[in-house]
């Protein structure tokens, strides 16, 4: 049992490699195509609407 575990341990050590991280030569470019649409809706109650229609020269 111990001999088999030792073989597995040595095999696992042999399979582990070195991880290398290198920075890229060129800057990273991210292109985002974003379309932003904004809608503003005004809803007036009946009294306010009448007031604006009666005094349209003010607005």
N, C-alpha and C. Protein backbone atom coordinates (compact mmCIF):
# COMPACT_ATOMS: atom_id res chain seq x y z
N UNK A 1 0.81 -1.19 0.00
CA UNK A 1 0.00 0.00 0.00
C UNK A 1 0.86 1.26 0.00
N UNK A 2 1.88 1.29 0.85
CA UNK A 2 2.74 2.46 0.95
C UNK A 2 3.50 2.65 -0.35
N UNK A 3 3.97 1.57 -0.95
CA UNK A 3 4.72 1.66 -2.21
C UNK A 3 3.86 2.22 -3.33
N UNK A 4 2.59 1.83 -3.37
CA UNK A 4 1.68 2.32 -4.41
C UNK A 4 1.40 3.82 -4.22
N UNK A 5 1.23 4.26 -2.99
CA UNK A 5 1.00 5.67 -2.69
C UNK A 5 2.21 6.51 -3.05
N UNK A 6 3.40 5.95 -2.83
CA UNK A 6 4.64 6.65 -3.16
C UNK A 6 4.77 6.83 -4.66
N UNK A 7 4.39 5.82 -5.42
CA UNK A 7 4.45 5.90 -6.88
C UNK A 7 3.47 6.97 -7.38
N UNK A 8 2.28 7.01 -6.82
CA UNK A 8 1.30 8.02 -7.21
C UNK A 8 1.81 9.41 -6.86
N UNK A 9 2.42 9.57 -5.69
CA UNK A 9 2.95 10.86 -5.28
C UNK A 9 4.08 11.32 -6.21
N UNK A 10 4.98 10.42 -6.56
CA UNK A 10 6.08 10.77 -7.46
C UNK A 10 5.54 11.10 -8.84
N UNK A 11 4.53 10.36 -9.29
CA UNK A 11 3.91 10.64 -10.59
C UNK A 11 3.24 12.00 -10.59
N UNK A 12 2.59 12.36 -9.51
CA UNK A 12 1.91 13.65 -9.43
C UNK A 12 2.93 14.78 -9.43
N UNK A 13 4.03 14.60 -8.76
CA UNK A 13 5.09 15.63 -8.75
C UNK A 13 5.69 15.77 -10.14
N UNK A 14 5.89 14.67 -10.83
CA UNK A 14 6.48 14.71 -12.17
C UNK A 14 5.56 15.40 -13.17
N UNK A 15 4.24 15.31 -12.97
CA UNK A 15 3.29 15.90 -13.91
C UNK A 15 3.05 17.38 -13.68
N UNK A 16 3.40 17.87 -12.51
CA UNK A 16 3.19 19.29 -12.26
C UNK A 16 4.21 20.09 -13.04
N UNK A 17 3.75 21.17 -13.65
CA UNK A 17 4.65 21.98 -14.46
C UNK A 17 4.79 23.37 -13.89
N UNK A 18 5.48 24.18 -14.60
CA UNK A 18 5.69 25.56 -14.19
C UNK A 18 4.72 26.44 -14.98
N UNK A 19 4.04 27.30 -14.30
CA UNK A 19 3.10 28.20 -14.95
C UNK A 19 3.80 29.53 -15.14
N UNK A 20 3.83 30.00 -16.39
CA UNK A 20 4.46 31.28 -16.68
C UNK A 20 3.41 32.26 -17.16
N UNK A 21 3.48 33.46 -16.61
CA UNK A 21 2.55 34.52 -17.01
C UNK A 21 3.39 35.64 -17.60
N UNK A 22 3.07 36.00 -18.85
CA UNK A 22 3.79 37.07 -19.51
C UNK A 22 2.83 38.18 -19.90
N UNK A 23 3.30 39.40 -19.84
CA UNK A 23 2.47 40.52 -20.27
C UNK A 23 2.50 40.60 -21.79
N UNK A 24 1.39 41.00 -22.41
CA UNK A 24 1.35 41.08 -23.87
C UNK A 24 2.21 42.24 -24.38
N UNK A 25 2.69 42.11 -25.62
CA UNK A 25 3.51 43.16 -26.22
C UNK A 25 2.67 44.38 -26.58
N UNK A 26 1.43 44.14 -26.99
CA UNK A 26 0.54 45.22 -27.40
C UNK A 26 -0.51 45.43 -26.31
N UNK A 27 -1.05 46.65 -26.22
CA UNK A 27 -2.11 46.87 -25.22
C UNK A 27 -3.37 46.09 -25.59
N UNK A 28 -4.12 45.74 -24.59
CA UNK A 28 -5.38 45.02 -24.79
C UNK A 28 -6.42 46.02 -25.27
N UNK A 29 -7.09 45.69 -26.36
CA UNK A 29 -8.10 46.58 -26.94
C UNK A 29 -9.47 45.94 -26.79
N UNK A 30 -10.40 46.71 -26.23
CA UNK A 30 -11.76 46.22 -26.03
C UNK A 30 -12.70 47.14 -26.80
N UNK A 31 -13.40 46.58 -27.77
CA UNK A 31 -14.36 47.36 -28.56
C UNK A 31 -15.76 47.05 -28.06
N UNK A 32 -16.48 48.08 -27.65
CA UNK A 32 -17.85 47.91 -27.19
C UNK A 32 -18.77 48.71 -28.09
N UNK A 33 -19.70 48.07 -28.69
CA UNK A 33 -20.72 48.75 -29.48
C UNK A 33 -21.97 48.86 -28.63
N UNK A 34 -22.17 50.04 -28.08
CA UNK A 34 -23.29 50.25 -27.15
C UNK A 34 -24.20 51.32 -27.73
N UNK A 35 -25.46 51.02 -27.78
CA UNK A 35 -26.45 51.98 -28.24
C UNK A 35 -27.33 52.32 -27.05
N UNK A 36 -27.26 53.56 -26.62
CA UNK A 36 -28.04 54.01 -25.47
C UNK A 36 -29.16 54.90 -25.97
N UNK A 37 -30.36 54.53 -25.62
CA UNK A 37 -31.52 55.32 -26.03
C UNK A 37 -32.30 55.70 -24.78
N UNK A 38 -32.59 56.95 -24.68
CA UNK A 38 -33.30 57.43 -23.50
C UNK A 38 -34.59 58.09 -23.94
N UNK A 39 -35.64 57.73 -23.29
CA UNK A 39 -36.93 58.33 -23.58
C UNK A 39 -37.47 58.96 -22.31
N UNK A 40 -37.94 60.16 -22.44
CA UNK A 40 -38.55 60.85 -21.31
C UNK A 40 -40.00 61.10 -21.67
N UNK A 41 -40.88 60.64 -20.84
CA UNK A 41 -42.30 60.77 -21.09
C UNK A 41 -42.92 61.57 -19.96
N UNK A 42 -43.62 62.62 -20.35
CA UNK A 42 -44.33 63.44 -19.37
C UNK A 42 -45.81 63.10 -19.45
N UNK A 43 -46.38 62.81 -18.34
CA UNK A 43 -47.82 62.56 -18.29
C UNK A 43 -48.44 63.60 -17.36
N UNK A 44 -49.41 64.27 -17.89
CA UNK A 44 -50.05 65.33 -17.10
C UNK A 44 -51.47 64.92 -16.78
N UNK A 45 -51.88 65.25 -15.59
CA UNK A 45 -53.28 64.98 -15.28
C UNK A 45 -54.15 66.01 -15.99
N UNK A 46 -55.42 65.79 -16.00
CA UNK A 46 -56.36 66.62 -16.75
C UNK A 46 -56.30 68.09 -16.40
N UNK A 47 -56.22 68.44 -15.13
CA UNK A 47 -56.21 69.85 -14.70
C UNK A 47 -54.95 70.57 -15.21
N UNK A 48 -53.81 69.91 -15.09
CA UNK A 48 -52.57 70.54 -15.53
C UNK A 48 -52.59 70.72 -17.04
N UNK A 49 -53.11 69.74 -17.75
CA UNK A 49 -53.18 69.84 -19.21
C UNK A 49 -54.07 71.00 -19.64
N UNK A 50 -55.21 71.15 -18.97
CA UNK A 50 -56.12 72.26 -19.28
C UNK A 50 -55.46 73.61 -19.00
N UNK A 51 -54.74 73.69 -17.88
CA UNK A 51 -54.07 74.92 -17.51
C UNK A 51 -53.01 75.31 -18.55
N UNK A 52 -52.28 74.36 -19.04
CA UNK A 52 -51.26 74.63 -20.06
C UNK A 52 -51.92 75.05 -21.36
N UNK A 53 -53.02 74.40 -21.73
CA UNK A 53 -53.71 74.77 -22.97
C UNK A 53 -54.30 76.19 -22.88
N UNK A 54 -54.80 76.57 -21.72
CA UNK A 54 -55.37 77.90 -21.54
C UNK A 54 -54.30 78.99 -21.53
N UNK A 55 -53.13 78.65 -21.07
CA UNK A 55 -52.02 79.62 -20.97
C UNK A 55 -50.85 79.19 -21.85
N UNK A 56 -51.13 78.88 -23.08
CA UNK A 56 -50.07 78.36 -23.97
C UNK A 56 -48.99 79.38 -24.24
N UNK A 57 -49.30 80.66 -24.14
CA UNK A 57 -48.28 81.70 -24.40
C UNK A 57 -47.19 81.70 -23.32
N UNK A 58 -47.49 81.21 -22.13
CA UNK A 58 -46.51 81.15 -21.05
C UNK A 58 -45.52 80.03 -21.31
N UNK A 59 -46.02 78.94 -21.85
CA UNK A 59 -45.18 77.77 -22.05
C UNK A 59 -44.67 77.78 -23.45
